Amino acid sequence: MDIRQLEYLAALAEERHFTRAANRCNVTQPTLSGRIRQLEEQLGVPIVQRGHRYHGLTREGEHVLRWARVIIDNRTALMQELSGLKGGLAGRLTLGVIPSALPMVSSVTTAVRDKHPGITFTVCSQASQDLLRDIGEFRIDAGITYLDNEPLGHSDELVTEPLYVESYRLFIPSDHPWAGRESVSWHDASSLPLILLTPDMQNRRIVDGAFLHANSLPISEIETNSVITLWSHVRFRGWASVMPAYFEGLFGADSGVVGLPLVEPEVEQQVGLVTLQRDPIPPLIEALREACHHRLEW
């Protein structure tokens, strides 16, 4: 058994297609299939459900895949540590970020790269539940999500680092009759036709919980899993939406949009970094934790 066989298996599980997995690994499809067959023979168990197409992994194959991801991740961490000893950390971190926190992630990536220019990033927008699953399966290195609204799964396996506190505003056109108010209640906001995130997003569940606390049901006429779609409907089409307060900076002072603090109740949620408990800690993840621990300028 060698690391390439495990990499081929991980690629196949993610691509769910032999040819795409082979292209990703820069080998031919027969080479990839043959090396996975060798792995099955060496381990003495079937790994892939056989057929003309990829039909998934066997029960044994799922167990092999979990170990394969751990081994691949540890090998990557070893190479990163050796790179650091030679003259500076280098490598790529993959972050899963809840949609409402995407405008804030630049503070994290910039803080890390200011100290370690060799570290690069892939940032993926993910629902909180998908993010936690992918951290546990070593698909991503870390996540930025809510820390105290819903359980973080097996919290004893996770390390959290608070980043900032999220509060909420009702964003409306500057010519709206309410634009001169100092604040607006959740009950009043529920009377407006709104564009909101989809119910599978934790931000939406927080918003719905605030409306429920105010004995109100929002009129969600458009739902989306994209914060850019929220932003563009408010900015360019005059819709109303509930978004984190820091979106006000994205709109700008002369955007024709105002953000009114939402009250009765006043809702705040802690957002932070989530990583797996590891020993030893991969050096890139340690650099990421360190940057977040020093209380970034949000």
C-alpha atoms as a PDB file:
ATOM      1  CA  MET A   1       0.000   0.000   0.000  1.00  0.00           C
ATOM      2  CA  ASP A   2       1.310   3.484  -0.865  1.00  0.00           C
ATOM      3  CA  ILE A   3       0.091   7.049  -0.572  1.00  0.00           C
ATOM      4  CA  ARG A   4      -0.833   7.326  -4.250  1.00  0.00           C
ATOM      5  CA  GLN A   5      -3.346   4.478  -3.934  1.00  0.00           C
ATOM      6  CA  LEU A   6      -4.993   6.317  -1.054  1.00  0.00           C
ATOM      7  CA  GLU A   7      -5.022   9.582  -3.020  1.00  0.00           C
ATOM      8  CA  TYR A   8      -6.677   7.810  -5.958  1.00  0.00           C
ATOM      9  CA  LEU A   9      -9.340   6.401  -3.642  1.00  0.00           C
ATOM     10  CA  ALA A  10     -10.036   9.813  -2.075  1.00  0.00           C
ATOM     11  CA  ALA A  11     -10.288  11.429  -5.517  1.00  0.00           C
ATOM     12  CA  LEU A  12     -12.690   8.726  -6.720  1.00  0.00           C
ATOM     13  CA  ALA A  13     -14.904   9.163  -3.647  1.00  0.00           C
ATOM     14  CA  GLU A  14     -15.095  12.922  -4.214  1.00  0.00           C
ATOM     15  CA  GLU A  15     -15.486  12.909  -7.999  1.00  0.00           C
ATOM     16  CA  ARG A  16     -17.766   9.818  -8.040  1.00  0.00           C
ATOM     17  CA  HIS A  17     -16.522   9.097 -11.554  1.00  0.00           C
ATOM     18  CA  PHE A  18     -13.473   7.078 -12.624  1.00  0.00           C
ATOM     19  CA  THR A  19     -12.433   9.274 -15.558  1.00  0.00           C
ATOM     20  CA  ARG A  20     -12.824  12.558 -13.654  1.00  0.00           C
ATOM     21  CA  ALA A  21     -10.871  11.127 -10.722  1.00  0.00           C
ATOM     22  CA  ALA A  22      -8.104   9.959 -13.081  1.00  0.00           C
ATOM     23  CA  ASN A  23      -7.922  13.386 -14.739  1.00  0.00           C
ATOM     24  CA  ARG A  24      -7.702  15.034 -11.335  1.00  0.00           C
ATOM     25  CA  CYS A  25      -4.806  12.753 -10.386  1.00  0.00           C
ATOM     26  CA  ASN A  26      -3.097  13.207 -13.793  1.00  0.00           C
ATOM     27  CA  VAL A  27      -3.162   9.499 -14.602  1.00  0.00           C
ATOM     28  CA  THR A  28      -5.116   7.343 -17.046  1.00  0.00           C
ATOM     29  CA  GLN A  29      -8.393   5.762 -15.991  1.00  0.00           C
ATOM     30  CA  PRO A  30      -6.990   2.204 -16.268  1.00  0.00           C
ATOM     31  CA  THR A  31      -4.053   3.221 -14.024  1.00  0.00           C
ATOM     32  CA  LEU A  32      -6.362   4.595 -11.348  1.00  0.00           C
ATOM     33  CA  SER A  33      -8.667   1.563 -11.496  1.00  0.00           C
ATOM     34  CA  GLY A  34      -5.738  -0.830 -11.411  1.00  0.00           C
ATOM     35  CA  ARG A  35      -4.088   0.816  -8.392  1.00  0.00           C
ATOM     36  CA  ILE A  36      -7.364   0.731  -6.433  1.00  0.00           C
ATOM     37  CA  ARG A  37      -7.721  -2.964  -7.339  1.00  0.00           C
ATOM     38  CA  GLN A  38      -4.201  -3.519  -5.999  1.00  0.00           C
ATOM     39  CA  LEU A  39      -5.262  -1.807  -2.768  1.00  0.00           C
ATOM     40  CA  GLU A  40      -8.243  -4.153  -2.468  1.00  0.00           C
ATOM     41  CA  GLU A  41      -5.966  -7.172  -2.936  1.00  0.00           C
ATOM     42  CA  GLN A  42      -3.438  -5.899  -0.386  1.00  0.00           C
ATOM     43  CA  LEU A  43      -6.102  -5.208   2.243  1.00  0.00           C
ATOM     44  CA  GLY A  44      -8.166  -8.285   1.431  1.00  0.00           C
ATOM     45  CA  VAL A  45     -11.506  -6.455   1.232  1.00  0.00           C
ATOM     46  CA  PRO A  46     -13.697  -5.077  -1.578  1.00  0.00           C
ATOM     47  CA  ILE A  47     -13.517  -1.276  -1.639  1.00  0.00           C
ATOM     48  CA  VAL A  48     -15.493  -0.209  -4.707  1.00  0.00           C
ATOM     49  CA  GLN A  49     -18.902  -1.545  -5.737  1.00  0.00           C
ATOM     50  CA  ARG A  50     -18.212  -3.083  -9.132  1.00  0.00           C
ATOM     51  CA  GLY A  51     -20.113  -2.144 -12.285  1.00  0.00           C
ATOM     52  CA  HIS A  52     -19.726  -0.336 -15.589  1.00  0.00           C
ATOM     53  CA  ARG A  53     -19.974   2.952 -13.684  1.00  0.00           C
ATOM     54  CA  TYR A  54     -19.029   4.157 -10.220  1.00  0.00           C
ATOM     55  CA  HIS A  55     -21.791   3.015  -7.849  1.00  0.00           C
ATOM     56  CA  GLY A  56     -20.135   3.980  -4.569  1.00  0.00           C
ATOM     57  CA  LEU A  57     -17.934   2.331  -1.972  1.00  0.00           C
ATOM     58  CA  THR A  58     -18.601  -0.842  -0.066  1.00  0.00           C
ATOM     59  CA  ARG A  59     -19.037  -0.770   3.714  1.00  0.00           C
ATOM     60  CA  GLU A  60     -15.386  -1.805   4.022  1.00  0.00           C
ATOM     61  CA  GLY A  61     -14.461   0.836   1.474  1.00  0.00           C
ATOM     62  CA  GLU A  62     -16.008   3.594   3.590  1.00  0.00           C
ATOM     63  CA  HIS A  63     -13.778   2.563   6.501  1.00  0.00           C
ATOM     64  CA  VAL A  64     -10.711   2.508   4.242  1.00  0.00           C
ATOM     65  CA  LEU A  65     -11.616   5.953   2.908  1.00  0.00           C
ATOM     66  CA  ARG A  66     -11.795   7.451   6.405  1.00  0.00           C
ATOM     67  CA  TRP A  67      -8.326   6.147   7.220  1.00  0.00           C
ATOM     68  CA  ALA A  68      -7.044   7.220   3.797  1.00  0.00           C
ATOM     69  CA  ARG A  69      -8.089  10.816   4.444  1.00  0.00           C
ATOM     70  CA  VAL A  70      -6.381  10.804   7.849  1.00  0.00           C
ATOM     71  CA  ILE A  71      -3.160   9.409   6.371  1.00  0.00           C
ATOM     72  CA  ILE A  72      -3.178  11.862   3.457  1.00  0.00           C
ATOM     73  CA  ASP A  73      -3.818  14.760   5.801  1.00  0.00           C
ATOM     74  CA  ASN A  74      -1.003  13.705   8.153  1.00  0.00           C
ATOM     75  CA  ARG A  75       1.395  13.349   5.243  1.00  0.00           C
ATOM     76  CA  THR A  76       0.486  16.870   4.112  1.00  0.00           C
ATOM     77  CA  ALA A  77       1.037  18.193   7.631  1.00  0.00           C
ATOM     78  CA  LEU A  78       4.463  16.505   7.769  1.00  0.00           C
ATOM     79  CA  MET A  79       5.512  18.097   4.468  1.00  0.00           C
ATOM     80  CA  GLN A  80       4.306  21.478   5.702  1.00  0.00           C
ATOM     81  CA  GLU A  81       6.327  21.182   8.901  1.00  0.00           C
ATOM     82  CA  LEU A  82       9.467  20.240   6.987  1.00  0.00           C
ATOM     83  CA  SER A  83       8.861  23.176   4.647  1.00  0.00           C
ATOM     84  CA  GLY A  84       8.650  25.479   7.662  1.00  0.00           C
ATOM     85  CA  LEU A  85      11.947  24.168   9.009  1.00  0.00           C
ATOM     86  CA  LYS A  86      13.589  24.890   5.666  1.00  0.00           C
ATOM     87  CA  GLY A  87      12.547  28.526   5.584  1.00  0.00           C
ATOM     88  CA  GLY A  88       8.904  29.445   6.004  1.00  0.00           C
ATOM     89  CA  LEU A  89       5.476  27.834   6.065  1.00  0.00           C
ATOM     90  CA  ALA A  90       3.938  27.144   2.687  1.00  0.00           C
ATOM     91  CA  GLY A  91       0.840  25.315   1.540  1.00  0.00           C
ATOM     92  CA  ARG A  92      -2.876  25.743   0.977  1.00  0.00           C
ATOM     93  CA  LEU A  93      -5.601  25.920   3.637  1.00  0.00           C
ATOM     94  CA  THR A  94      -9.196  25.158   2.714  1.00  0.00           C
ATOM     95  CA  LEU A  95     -11.778  27.053   4.768  1.00  0.00           C
ATOM     96  CA  GLY A  96     -15.503  26.359   4.894  1.00  0.00           C
ATOM     97  CA  VAL A  97     -17.395  29.541   5.787  1.00  0.00           C
ATOM     98  CA  ILE A  98     -21.068  30.097   6.528  1.00  0.00           C
ATOM     99  CA  PRO A  99     -22.522  32.522   3.939  1.00  0.00           C
ATOM    100  CA  SER A 100     -23.201  35.352   6.408  1.00  0.00           C
ATOM    101  CA  ALA A 101     -19.519  35.360   7.462  1.00  0.00           C
ATOM    102  CA  LEU A 102     -18.035  35.488   3.957  1.00  0.00           C
ATOM    103  CA  PRO A 103     -17.565  39.292   3.988  1.00  0.00           C
ATOM    104  CA  MET A 104     -15.477  38.929   7.160  1.00  0.00           C
ATOM    105  CA  VAL A 105     -13.156  36.127   6.063  1.00  0.00           C
ATOM    106  CA  SER A 106     -10.696  38.528   4.417  1.00  0.00           C
ATOM    107  CA  SER A 107      -9.536  39.551   7.902  1.00  0.00           C
ATOM    108  CA  VAL A 108      -8.529  35.942   8.578  1.00  0.00           C
ATOM    109  CA  THR A 109      -6.767  35.289   5.279  1.00  0.00           C
ATOM    110  CA  THR A 110      -4.940  38.646   5.393  1.00  0.00           C
ATOM    111  CA  ALA A 111      -3.776  38.173   8.989  1.00  0.00           C
ATOM    112  CA  VAL A 112      -2.327  34.745   8.166  1.00  0.00           C
ATOM    113  CA  ARG A 113      -0.659  35.857   4.932  1.00  0.00           C
ATOM    114  CA  ASP A 114       0.846  38.968   6.524  1.00  0.00           C
ATOM    115  CA  LYS A 115       2.933  36.621   8.694  1.00  0.00           C
ATOM    116  CA  HIS A 116       3.186  33.642   6.333  1.00  0.00           C
ATOM    117  CA  PRO A 117       3.108  34.783   2.672  1.00  0.00           C
ATOM    118  CA  GLY A 118       3.607  31.204   1.502  1.00  0.00           C
ATOM    119  CA  ILE A 119       0.197  30.114   2.802  1.00  0.00           C
ATOM    120  CA  THR A 120      -2.605  30.276   0.257  1.00  0.00           C
ATOM    121  CA  PHE A 121      -6.340  29.731   0.718  1.00  0.00           C
ATOM    122  CA  THR A 122      -9.385  28.147  -0.846  1.00  0.00           C
ATOM    123  CA  VAL A 123     -12.575  29.606   0.677  1.00  0.00           C
ATOM    124  CA  CYS A 124     -15.847  27.694   0.216  1.00  0.00           C
ATOM    125  CA  SER A 125     -19.334  28.890   1.126  1.00  0.00           C
ATOM    126  CA  GLN A 126     -21.045  26.144   3.156  1.00  0.00           C
ATOM    127  CA  ALA A 127     -24.008  25.563   5.404  1.00  0.00           C
ATOM    128  CA  SER A 128     -22.897  25.012   9.008  1.00  0.00           C
ATOM    129  CA  GLN A 129     -23.823  21.312   9.084  1.00  0.00           C
ATOM    130  CA  ASP A 130     -21.933  20.574   5.844  1.00  0.00           C
ATOM    131  CA  LEU A 131     -18.952  22.518   7.150  1.00  0.00           C
ATOM    132  CA  LEU A 132     -18.727  20.454  10.348  1.00  0.00           C
ATOM    133  CA  ARG A 133     -19.094  17.189   8.417  1.00  0.00           C
ATOM    134  CA  ASP A 134     -16.283  18.139   6.028  1.00  0.00           C
ATOM    135  CA  ILE A 135     -13.952  19.097   8.889  1.00  0.00           C
ATOM    136  CA  GLY A 136     -14.541  15.683  10.473  1.00  0.00           C
ATOM    137  CA  GLU A 137     -13.885  13.933   7.145  1.00  0.00           C
ATOM    138  CA  PHE A 138     -10.699  15.960   6.446  1.00  0.00           C
ATOM    139  CA  ARG A 139     -12.249  17.483   3.323  1.00  0.00           C
ATOM    140  CA  ILE A 140     -11.519  20.983   4.635  1.00  0.00           C
ATOM    141  CA  ASP A 141      -8.971  22.242   7.158  1.00  0.00           C
ATOM    142  CA  ALA A 142     -11.126  24.603   9.216  1.00  0.00           C
ATOM    143  CA  GLY A 143     -14.448  26.397   9.324  1.00  0.00           C
ATOM    144  CA  ILE A 144     -15.900  29.730  10.344  1.00  0.00           C
ATOM    145  CA  THR A 145     -19.367  29.278  11.806  1.00  0.00           C
ATOM    146  CA  TYR A 146     -21.672  30.053  14.722  1.00  0.00           C
ATOM    147  CA  LEU A 147     -20.316  28.822  18.045  1.00  0.00           C
ATOM    148  CA  ASP A 148     -23.283  28.991  20.418  1.00  0.00           C
ATOM    149  CA  ASN A 149     -26.556  28.791  18.500  1.00  0.00           C
ATOM    150  CA  GLU A 150     -26.630  25.067  17.661  1.00  0.00           C
ATOM    151  CA  PRO A 151     -24.528  22.138  18.950  1.00  0.00           C
ATOM    152  CA  LEU A 152     -21.165  21.700  17.231  1.00  0.00           C
ATOM    153  CA  GLY A 153     -21.513  17.926  16.968  1.00  0.00           C
ATOM    154  CA  HIS A 154     -18.792  16.123  18.924  1.00  0.00           C
ATOM    155  CA  SER A 155     -17.551  19.303  20.582  1.00  0.00           C
ATOM    156  CA  ASP A 156     -14.803  17.448  22.476  1.00  0.00           C
ATOM    157  CA  GLU A 157     -13.189  16.745  19.091  1.00  0.00           C
ATOM    158  CA  LEU A 158     -13.206  20.416  18.090  1.00  0.00           C
ATOM    159  CA  VAL A 159     -11.194  23.491  19.002  1.00  0.00           C
ATOM    160  CA  THR A 160     -13.003  26.837  18.751  1.00  0.00           C
ATOM    161  CA  GLU A 161     -11.667  30.383  18.660  1.00  0.00           C
ATOM    162  CA  PRO A 162     -14.179  33.279  18.936  1.00  0.00           C
ATOM    163  CA  LEU A 163     -13.785  35.917  16.239  1.00  0.00           C
ATOM    164  CA  TYR A 164     -16.642  38.404  16.490  1.00  0.00           C
ATOM    165  CA  VAL A 165     -20.241  38.906  17.588  1.00  0.00           C
ATOM    166  CA  GLU A 166     -22.906  39.067  14.885  1.00  0.00           C
ATOM    167  CA  SER A 167     -25.925  41.354  15.293  1.00  0.00           C
ATOM    168  CA  TYR A 168     -28.733  42.013  12.818  1.00  0.00           C
ATOM    169  CA  ARG A 169     -30.302  44.851  10.875  1.00  0.00           C
ATOM    170  CA  LEU A 170     -33.218  45.334   8.561  1.00  0.00           C
ATOM    171  CA  PHE A 171     -31.904  46.679   5.259  1.00  0.00           C
ATOM    172  CA  ILE A 172     -34.362  48.766   3.237  1.00  0.00           C
ATOM    173  CA  PRO A 173     -34.209  51.450   0.510  1.00  0.00           C
ATOM    174  CA  SER A 174     -33.328  54.930   1.791  1.00  0.00           C
ATOM    175  CA  ASP A 175     -36.651  56.254   0.425  1.00  0.00           C
ATOM    176  CA  HIS A 176     -38.679  53.698   2.413  1.00  0.00           C
ATOM    177  CA  PRO A 177     -41.194  55.243   4.896  1.00  0.00           C
ATOM    178  CA  TRP A 178     -39.262  53.623   7.769  1.00  0.00           C
ATOM    179  CA  ALA A 179     -35.858  54.899   6.680  1.00  0.00           C
ATOM    180  CA  GLY A 180     -35.802  57.654   9.319  1.00  0.00           C
ATOM    181  CA  ARG A 181     -36.334  55.300  12.265  1.00  0.00           C
ATOM    182  CA  GLU A 182     -33.564  54.665  14.768  1.00  0.00           C
ATOM    183  CA  SER A 183     -34.539  50.987  14.995  1.00  0.00           C
ATOM    184  CA  VAL A 184     -37.319  48.568  14.055  1.00  0.00           C
ATOM    185  CA  SER A 185     -38.850  45.664  15.950  1.00  0.00           C
ATOM    186  CA  TRP A 186     -38.756  42.130  14.617  1.00  0.00           C
ATOM    187  CA  HIS A 187     -42.554  42.175  14.785  1.00  0.00           C
ATOM    188  CA  ASP A 188     -42.767  45.193  12.482  1.00  0.00           C
ATOM    189  CA  ALA A 189     -40.139  43.765  10.121  1.00  0.00           C
ATOM    190  CA  SER A 190     -42.206  40.609   9.677  1.00  0.00           C
ATOM    191  CA  SER A 191     -44.898  42.644   7.915  1.00  0.00           C
ATOM    192  CA  LEU A 192     -42.582  43.387   4.960  1.00  0.00           C
ATOM    193  CA  PRO A 193     -42.023  41.125   1.953  1.00  0.00           C
ATOM    194  CA  LEU A 194     -38.469  39.901   2.527  1.00  0.00           C
ATOM    195  CA  ILE A 195     -35.648  38.133   0.747  1.00  0.00           C
ATOM    196  CA  LEU A 196     -33.919  35.754   3.192  1.00  0.00           C
ATOM    197  CA  LEU A 197     -31.461  32.889   3.198  1.00  0.00           C
ATOM    198  CA  THR A 198     -32.863  29.383   2.740  1.00  0.00           C
ATOM    199  CA  PRO A 199     -34.046  27.413   5.818  1.00  0.00           C
ATOM    200  CA  ASP A 200     -31.061  25.014   5.674  1.00  0.00           C
ATOM    201  CA  MET A 201     -28.798  27.934   6.605  1.00  0.00           C
ATOM    202  CA  GLN A 202     -28.184  28.475  10.325  1.00  0.00           C
ATOM    203  CA  ASN A 203     -28.425  32.254   9.828  1.00  0.00           C
ATOM    204  CA  ARG A 204     -32.001  31.750   8.621  1.00  0.00           C
ATOM    205  CA  ARG A 205     -32.810  29.608  11.630  1.00  0.00           C
ATOM    206  CA  ILE A 206     -31.477  32.366  13.888  1.00  0.00           C
ATOM    207  CA  VAL A 207     -33.606  34.948  12.060  1.00  0.00           C
ATOM    208  CA  ASP A 208     -36.694  32.720  12.231  1.00  0.00           C
ATOM    209  CA  GLY A 209     -36.062  32.208  15.940  1.00  0.00           C
ATOM    210  CA  ALA A 210     -36.017  35.972  16.515  1.00  0.00           C
ATOM    211  CA  PHE A 211     -39.282  36.396  14.611  1.00  0.00           C
ATOM    212  CA  LEU A 212     -40.814  33.539  16.605  1.00  0.00           C
ATOM    213  CA  HIS A 213     -39.705  35.200  19.850  1.00  0.00           C
ATOM    214  CA  ALA A 214     -41.578  38.296  18.655  1.00  0.00           C
ATOM    215  CA  ASN A 215     -44.682  36.146  17.942  1.00  0.00           C
ATOM    216  CA  SER A 216     -44.349  36.861  14.236  1.00  0.00           C
ATOM    217  CA  LEU A 217     -43.877  34.978  10.992  1.00  0.00           C
ATOM    218  CA  PRO A 218     -41.746  36.569   8.246  1.00  0.00           C
ATOM    219  CA  ILE A 219     -43.060  36.934   4.702  1.00  0.00           C
ATOM    220  CA  SER A 220     -40.198  35.293   2.809  1.00  0.00           C
ATOM    221  CA  GLU A 221     -41.064  35.887  -0.843  1.00  0.00           C
ATOM    222  CA  ILE A 222     -37.586  35.063  -2.155  1.00  0.00           C
ATOM    223  CA  GLU A 223     -35.137  32.603  -0.586  1.00  0.00           C
ATOM    224  CA  THR A 224     -31.527  32.027  -1.596  1.00  0.00           C
ATOM    225  CA  ASN A 225     -28.362  30.343  -0.328  1.00  0.00           C
ATOM    226  CA  SER A 226     -26.250  33.251  -1.599  1.00  0.00           C
ATOM    227  CA  VAL A 227     -25.496  36.441   0.345  1.00  0.00           C
ATOM    228  CA  ILE A 228     -24.629  38.136  -2.951  1.00  0.00           C
ATOM    229  CA  THR A 229     -28.213  37.515  -4.072  1.00  0.00           C
ATOM    230  CA  LEU A 230     -29.499  39.090  -0.847  1.00  0.00           C
ATOM    231  CA  TRP A 231     -27.196  42.059  -1.295  1.00  0.00           C
ATOM    232  CA  SER A 232     -28.025  42.638  -4.978  1.00  0.00           C
ATOM    233  CA  HIS A 233     -31.808  42.495  -4.434  1.00  0.00           C
ATOM    234  CA  VAL A 234     -31.590  45.121  -1.697  1.00  0.00           C
ATOM    235  CA  ARG A 235     -28.957  47.288  -3.387  1.00  0.00           C
ATOM    236  CA  PHE A 236     -30.302  47.302  -6.931  1.00  0.00           C
ATOM    237  CA  ARG A 237     -33.972  46.299  -6.703  1.00  0.00           C
ATOM    238  CA  GLY A 238     -35.169  47.910  -3.473  1.00  0.00           C
ATOM    239  CA  TRP A 239     -36.072  44.743  -1.551  1.00  0.00           C
ATOM    240  CA  ALA A 240     -35.943  44.410   2.227  1.00  0.00           C
ATOM    241  CA  SER A 241     -33.807  41.819   3.998  1.00  0.00           C
ATOM    242  CA  VAL A 242     -32.427  40.887   7.408  1.00  0.00           C
ATOM    243  CA  MET A 243     -28.634  40.619   7.324  1.00  0.00           C
ATOM    244  CA  PRO A 244     -25.705  40.975   9.723  1.00  0.00           C
ATOM    245  CA  ALA A 245     -24.973  44.571  10.736  1.00  0.00           C
ATOM    246  CA  TYR A 246     -21.538  44.603   9.079  1.00  0.00           C
ATOM    247  CA  PHE A 247     -23.208  44.379   5.652  1.00  0.00           C
ATOM    248  CA  GLU A 248     -23.782  48.120   6.038  1.00  0.00           C
ATOM    249  CA  GLY A 249     -20.137  48.624   5.127  1.00  0.00           C
ATOM    250  CA  LEU A 250     -20.625  46.616   1.933  1.00  0.00           C
ATOM    251  CA  PHE A 251     -23.480  48.829   0.792  1.00  0.00           C
ATOM    252  CA  GLY A 252     -21.632  52.112   1.416  1.00  0.00           C
ATOM    253  CA  ALA A 253     -22.934  55.452   2.652  1.00  0.00           C
ATOM    254  CA  ASP A 254     -24.309  56.546  -0.732  1.00  0.00           C
ATOM    255  CA  SER A 255     -25.830  53.237  -1.829  1.00  0.00           C
ATOM    256  CA  GLY A 256     -29.473  54.196  -1.381  1.00  0.00           C
ATOM    257  CA  VAL A 257     -29.778  51.555   1.360  1.00  0.00           C
ATOM    258  CA  VAL A 258     -30.133  52.016   5.125  1.00  0.00           C
ATOM    259  CA  GLY A 259     -29.712  49.429   7.879  1.00  0.00           C
ATOM    260  CA  LEU A 260     -31.971  49.685  10.921  1.00  0.00           C
ATOM    261  CA  PRO A 261     -31.002  47.843  14.136  1.00  0.00           C
ATOM    262  CA  LEU A 262     -33.523  45.117  14.925  1.00  0.00           C
ATOM    263  CA  VAL A 263     -34.860  45.142  18.490  1.00  0.00           C
ATOM    264  CA  GLU A 264     -37.409  43.373  20.693  1.00  0.00           C
ATOM    265  CA  PRO A 265     -35.503  41.111  20.955  1.00  0.00           C
ATOM    266  CA  GLU A 266     -31.915  42.221  20.431  1.00  0.00           C
ATOM    267  CA  VAL A 267     -30.125  39.193  19.006  1.00  0.00           C
ATOM    268  CA  GLU A 268     -26.397  38.480  19.005  1.00  0.00           C
ATOM    269  CA  GLN A 269     -24.478  35.373  17.973  1.00  0.00           C
ATOM    270  CA  GLN A 270     -20.838  34.441  18.470  1.00  0.00           C
ATOM    271  CA  VAL A 271     -18.983  33.503  15.276  1.00  0.00           C
ATOM    272  CA  GLY A 272     -15.592  31.836  15.337  1.00  0.00           C
ATOM    273  CA  LEU A 273     -13.025  29.457  13.922  1.00  0.00           C
ATOM    274  CA  VAL A 274     -13.554  25.698  14.266  1.00  0.00           C
ATOM    275  CA  THR A 275     -10.802  23.103  13.771  1.00  0.00           C
ATOM    276  CA  LEU A 276     -10.270  19.486  14.741  1.00  0.00           C
ATOM    277  CA  GLN A 277      -8.462  18.630  17.961  1.00  0.00           C
ATOM    278  CA  ARG A 278      -5.124  17.301  16.670  1.00  0.00           C
ATOM    279  CA  ASP A 279      -1.825  16.149  18.154  1.00  0.00           C
ATOM    280  CA  PRO A 280       0.484  17.157  16.676  1.00  0.00           C
ATOM    281  CA  ILE A 281      -1.234  20.221  15.222  1.00  0.00           C
ATOM    282  CA  PRO A 282      -0.585  20.663  11.483  1.00  0.00           C
ATOM    283  CA  PRO A 283       1.594  23.783  11.217  1.00  0.00           C
ATOM    284  CA  LEU A 284      -0.706  25.634   8.814  1.00  0.00           C
ATOM    285  CA  ILE A 285      -3.673  25.116  11.119  1.00  0.00           C
ATOM    286  CA  GLU A 286      -1.559  26.256  14.065  1.00  0.00           C
ATOM    287  CA  ALA A 287      -0.712  29.455  12.146  1.00  0.00           C
ATOM    288  CA  LEU A 288      -4.414  29.946  11.397  1.00  0.00           C
ATOM    289  CA  ARG A 289      -5.403  29.487  15.051  1.00  0.00           C
ATOM    290  CA  GLU A 290      -2.677  31.883  16.165  1.00  0.00           C
ATOM    291  CA  ALA A 291      -3.867  34.601  13.785  1.00  0.00           C
ATOM    292  CA  CYS A 292      -7.438  34.253  15.019  1.00  0.00           C
ATOM    293  CA  HIS A 293      -6.384  34.132  18.679  1.00  0.00           C
ATOM    294  CA  HIS A 294      -4.838  37.578  18.429  1.00  0.00           C
ATOM    295  CA  ARG A 295      -8.285  39.103  18.021  1.00  0.00           C
ATOM    296  CA  LEU A 296      -8.348  40.309  14.455  1.00  0.00           C
ATOM    297  CA  GLU A 297      -9.502  43.812  13.636  1.00  0.00           C
ATOM    298  CA  TRP A 298     -13.073  43.248  12.481  1.00  0.00           C
END
